[in-house]
Amino acid sequence: MNITLATDEETINRSREYALKHGTSLNQLVRDFLQSLARQEDRDLVADEFLRNATGHSGHSSEGFRFDREDAHRRLN
């Protein structure tokens, strides 16, 4: 999908120079930046869900429970 962006000429020129020095294009820089923003939003949603789950449950094991690493590994398989 194509989009149109507007900014001053100096910003465009400096951004193109940056892209050239880094072996890419201004188009690719913008695309990478937008994808980075989208991934950050996904991470934020996951973090919010984790926080809701972590604070919404007691987080306590039943009395007498002892963590057993081998048992935990068996559950994963």
Protein backbone atom coordinates (compact mmCIF):
# COMPACT_ATOMS: atom_id res chain seq x y z
CA MET A 1 0.00 0.00 0.00
CA ASN A 2 1.30 3.43 -0.83
CA ILE A 3 1.04 6.42 1.48
CA THR A 4 1.94 10.09 1.10
CA LEU A 5 3.91 11.86 3.80
CA ALA A 6 4.75 15.53 4.08
CA THR A 7 7.79 17.08 5.75
CA ASP A 8 10.35 19.79 5.07
CA GLU A 9 13.00 19.43 2.39
CA GLU A 10 15.91 19.41 4.85
CA THR A 11 14.45 16.45 6.74
CA ILE A 12 13.99 14.54 3.48
CA ASN A 13 17.53 15.30 2.30
CA ARG A 14 19.14 14.37 5.62
CA SER A 15 17.05 11.18 5.80
CA ARG A 16 18.08 10.19 2.28
CA GLU A 17 21.74 10.78 3.19
CA TYR A 18 21.30 8.61 6.28
CA ALA A 19 19.68 5.86 4.20
CA LEU A 20 22.47 6.01 1.61
CA LYS A 21 25.15 5.74 4.32
CA HIS A 22 23.35 2.68 5.69
CA GLY A 23 22.84 0.98 2.35
CA THR A 24 19.09 1.32 2.22
CA SER A 25 16.40 3.64 0.88
CA LEU A 26 14.26 6.26 2.52
CA ASN A 27 11.25 4.12 1.64
CA GLN A 28 12.75 1.13 3.47
CA LEU A 29 13.61 3.27 6.51
CA VAL A 30 10.01 4.44 6.78
CA ARG A 31 8.69 0.91 6.24
CA ASP A 32 11.02 -0.48 8.93
CA PHE A 33 10.00 2.27 11.34
CA LEU A 34 6.28 1.61 10.82
CA GLN A 35 6.79 -2.13 11.31
CA SER A 36 8.73 -1.41 14.50
CA LEU A 37 5.82 0.66 15.80
CA ALA A 38 3.38 -2.15 15.03
CA ARG A 39 5.57 -4.74 16.80
CA GLN A 40 5.88 -2.46 19.83
CA GLU A 41 2.10 -2.23 20.04
CA ASP A 42 1.92 -6.05 19.96
CA ARG A 43 4.49 -6.23 22.78
CA ASP A 44 2.52 -3.68 24.78
CA LEU A 45 -0.66 -5.76 24.40
CA VAL A 46 1.14 -8.91 25.56
CA ALA A 47 2.65 -7.04 28.52
CA ASP A 48 -0.77 -5.66 29.49
CA GLU A 49 -2.29 -9.14 29.35
CA PHE A 50 0.54 -10.54 31.47
CA LEU A 51 0.04 -7.79 34.05
CA ARG A 52 -3.72 -8.45 34.19
CA ASN A 53 -3.09 -12.16 34.69
CA ALA A 54 -0.32 -11.63 37.22
CA THR A 55 -2.32 -9.21 39.35
CA GLY A 56 -5.66 -10.96 38.88
CA HIS A 57 -4.57 -14.25 40.40
CA SER A 58 -3.36 -14.90 43.89
CA GLY A 59 0.02 -16.23 42.82
CA HIS A 60 0.16 -18.59 45.77
CA SER A 61 0.67 -22.31 45.63
CA SER A 62 -1.28 -24.65 47.82
CA GLU A 63 0.20 -25.34 51.24
CA GLY A 64 2.94 -27.93 51.11
CA PHE A 65 3.56 -27.51 47.38
CA ARG A 66 7.18 -27.89 46.35
CA PHE A 67 8.43 -27.07 42.88
CA ASP A 68 9.87 -30.09 41.11
CA ARG A 69 11.84 -29.27 37.96
CA GLU A 70 11.55 -32.80 36.57
CA ASP A 71 7.77 -32.77 37.04
CA ALA A 72 7.55 -29.41 35.27
CA HIS A 73 9.52 -30.77 32.31
CA ARG A 74 7.28 -33.85 32.10
CA ARG A 75 4.24 -31.56 31.88
CA LEU A 76 5.71 -29.77 28.87
CA ASN A 77 6.10 -32.98 26.85
